[in-house]
Protein backbone atom coordinates (compact mmCIF):
# COMPACT_ATOMS: atom_id res chain seq x y z
CA UNK A 1 -9.02 -3.75 118.15
CA UNK A 2 -6.49 -5.19 115.90
CA UNK A 3 -3.21 -3.25 114.95
CA UNK A 4 -4.16 -2.85 111.15
CA UNK A 5 -7.47 -0.81 112.40
CA UNK A 6 -7.70 2.91 112.13
CA UNK A 7 -10.08 5.26 114.20
CA UNK A 8 -10.62 8.89 113.27
CA UNK A 9 -12.42 11.31 115.27
CA UNK A 10 -13.41 14.62 113.84
CA UNK A 11 -15.86 16.61 116.29
CA UNK A 12 -18.90 14.23 116.65
CA UNK A 13 -17.96 12.14 113.65
CA UNK A 14 -16.09 9.06 114.20
CA UNK A 15 -14.93 6.65 111.57
CA UNK A 16 -13.52 3.33 112.14
CA UNK A 17 -12.08 1.54 109.08
CA UNK A 18 -9.95 -1.71 108.75
CA UNK A 19 -6.62 -1.05 107.31
CA UNK A 20 -6.94 -3.86 104.74
CA UNK A 21 -10.52 -2.59 103.59
CA UNK A 22 -9.15 0.40 101.28
CA UNK A 23 -6.02 0.85 99.19
CA UNK A 24 -3.29 2.49 101.26
CA UNK A 25 -3.16 5.57 98.77
CA UNK A 26 -6.93 6.40 99.55
CA UNK A 27 -6.71 6.71 103.18
CA UNK A 28 -4.70 9.75 103.51
CA UNK A 29 -7.09 11.52 101.31
CA UNK A 30 -10.09 10.63 103.28
CA UNK A 31 -8.39 12.17 106.40
CA UNK A 32 -7.56 15.17 104.48
CA UNK A 33 -11.07 15.64 103.10
CA UNK A 34 -12.71 15.21 106.56
CA UNK A 35 -10.13 17.84 108.08
CA UNK A 36 -11.00 20.38 105.12
CA UNK A 37 -14.64 19.57 105.71
CA UNK A 38 -14.53 20.59 109.47
CA UNK A 39 -12.12 23.53 109.04
CA UNK A 40 -14.53 25.31 106.31
CA UNK A 41 -17.74 24.29 108.52
CA UNK A 42 -16.42 26.36 111.27
CA UNK A 43 -15.09 29.20 109.19
CA UNK A 44 -18.16 30.05 107.54
CA UNK A 45 -20.72 30.14 110.42
CA UNK A 46 -23.87 32.15 109.49
CA UNK A 47 -23.59 35.59 111.06
CA UNK A 48 -26.91 36.72 112.42
CA UNK A 49 -28.63 39.99 113.79
CA UNK A 50 -31.41 40.27 116.01
CA UNK A 51 -32.10 36.37 115.04
CA UNK A 52 -31.91 37.23 111.17
CA UNK A 53 -29.46 35.80 108.92
CA UNK A 54 -27.05 38.24 107.42
CA UNK A 55 -26.02 38.07 103.82
CA UNK A 56 -22.61 39.29 104.33
CA UNK A 57 -21.56 41.57 107.07
CA UNK A 58 -24.89 42.74 108.76
CA UNK A 59 -24.23 46.14 107.55
CA UNK A 60 -27.68 46.45 106.15
CA UNK A 61 -29.16 45.27 109.64
CA UNK A 62 -27.30 47.69 111.36
CA UNK A 63 -28.54 50.58 108.96
CA UNK A 64 -32.11 49.46 109.44
CA UNK A 65 -31.83 49.13 113.29
CA UNK A 66 -30.00 52.58 113.29
CA UNK A 67 -32.82 54.19 111.24
CA UNK A 68 -35.71 52.64 113.46
CA UNK A 69 -33.94 54.02 116.54
CA UNK A 70 -33.34 57.56 115.17
CA UNK A 71 -37.11 57.57 114.10
CA UNK A 72 -38.62 56.11 117.21
CA UNK A 73 -40.23 53.30 115.19
CA UNK A 74 -42.57 51.11 117.21
CA UNK A 75 -44.48 48.94 114.66
CA UNK A 76 -42.79 46.49 112.11
CA UNK A 77 -45.39 47.96 109.46
CA UNK A 78 -43.14 51.01 109.45
CA UNK A 79 -40.12 48.64 108.23
CA UNK A 80 -41.03 48.49 104.71
CA UNK A 81 -38.23 49.14 102.02
CA UNK A 82 -36.88 47.51 99.13
CA UNK A 83 -34.01 46.07 101.32
CA UNK A 84 -34.72 42.82 103.13
CA UNK A 85 -31.75 43.36 105.64
CA UNK A 86 -32.76 46.86 106.23
CA UNK A 87 -36.36 45.65 107.16
CA UNK A 88 -35.06 43.04 109.41
CA UNK A 89 -32.60 45.65 111.05
CA UNK A 90 -35.76 47.88 111.76
CA UNK A 91 -37.85 44.69 112.80
CA UNK A 92 -35.01 43.91 115.39
CA UNK A 93 -35.11 47.38 116.65
CA UNK A 94 -39.04 47.04 117.17
CA UNK A 95 -38.42 43.58 118.92
CA UNK A 96 -35.68 44.65 121.13
CA UNK A 97 -34.71 48.35 121.31
CA UNK A 98 -31.93 47.75 123.93
CA UNK A 99 -30.00 45.45 121.95
CA UNK A 100 -27.86 48.06 119.98
CA UNK A 101 -26.80 48.09 116.34
CA UNK A 102 -22.98 47.72 116.95
CA UNK A 103 -22.59 44.06 117.26
CA UNK A 104 -24.10 40.81 115.54
CA UNK A 105 -25.77 38.04 117.73
CA UNK A 106 -22.45 36.73 118.70
CA UNK A 107 -20.81 40.02 119.90
CA UNK A 108 -18.67 40.68 116.89
CA UNK A 109 -18.49 44.35 115.84
CA UNK A 110 -20.29 45.16 112.71
CA UNK A 111 -18.28 47.32 110.10
CA UNK A 112 -20.02 50.32 108.60
């Protein structure tokens, strides 16, 4: 590679660019934008509970799971309310009554 070439590796993304192919003032912006995208992508990973996506903090899923546990629910047909996350938490209990309600699928504690 010639000395005026630039290589950037961000995760699985690799960019190779000749130094003379873009004006010098645009190159730092490209590197900054890539770093921002990479940082944002890892900070906003989707939280899940029992395989279901959480909208905010999985508290609705936790509540549904706990309700199903307290009421010994054995069928998802008993998990019908106006709250999708509550219903999914109830379904998660029916599917796996041993998983517990205190953590999301990644092992992070769910606040009440």
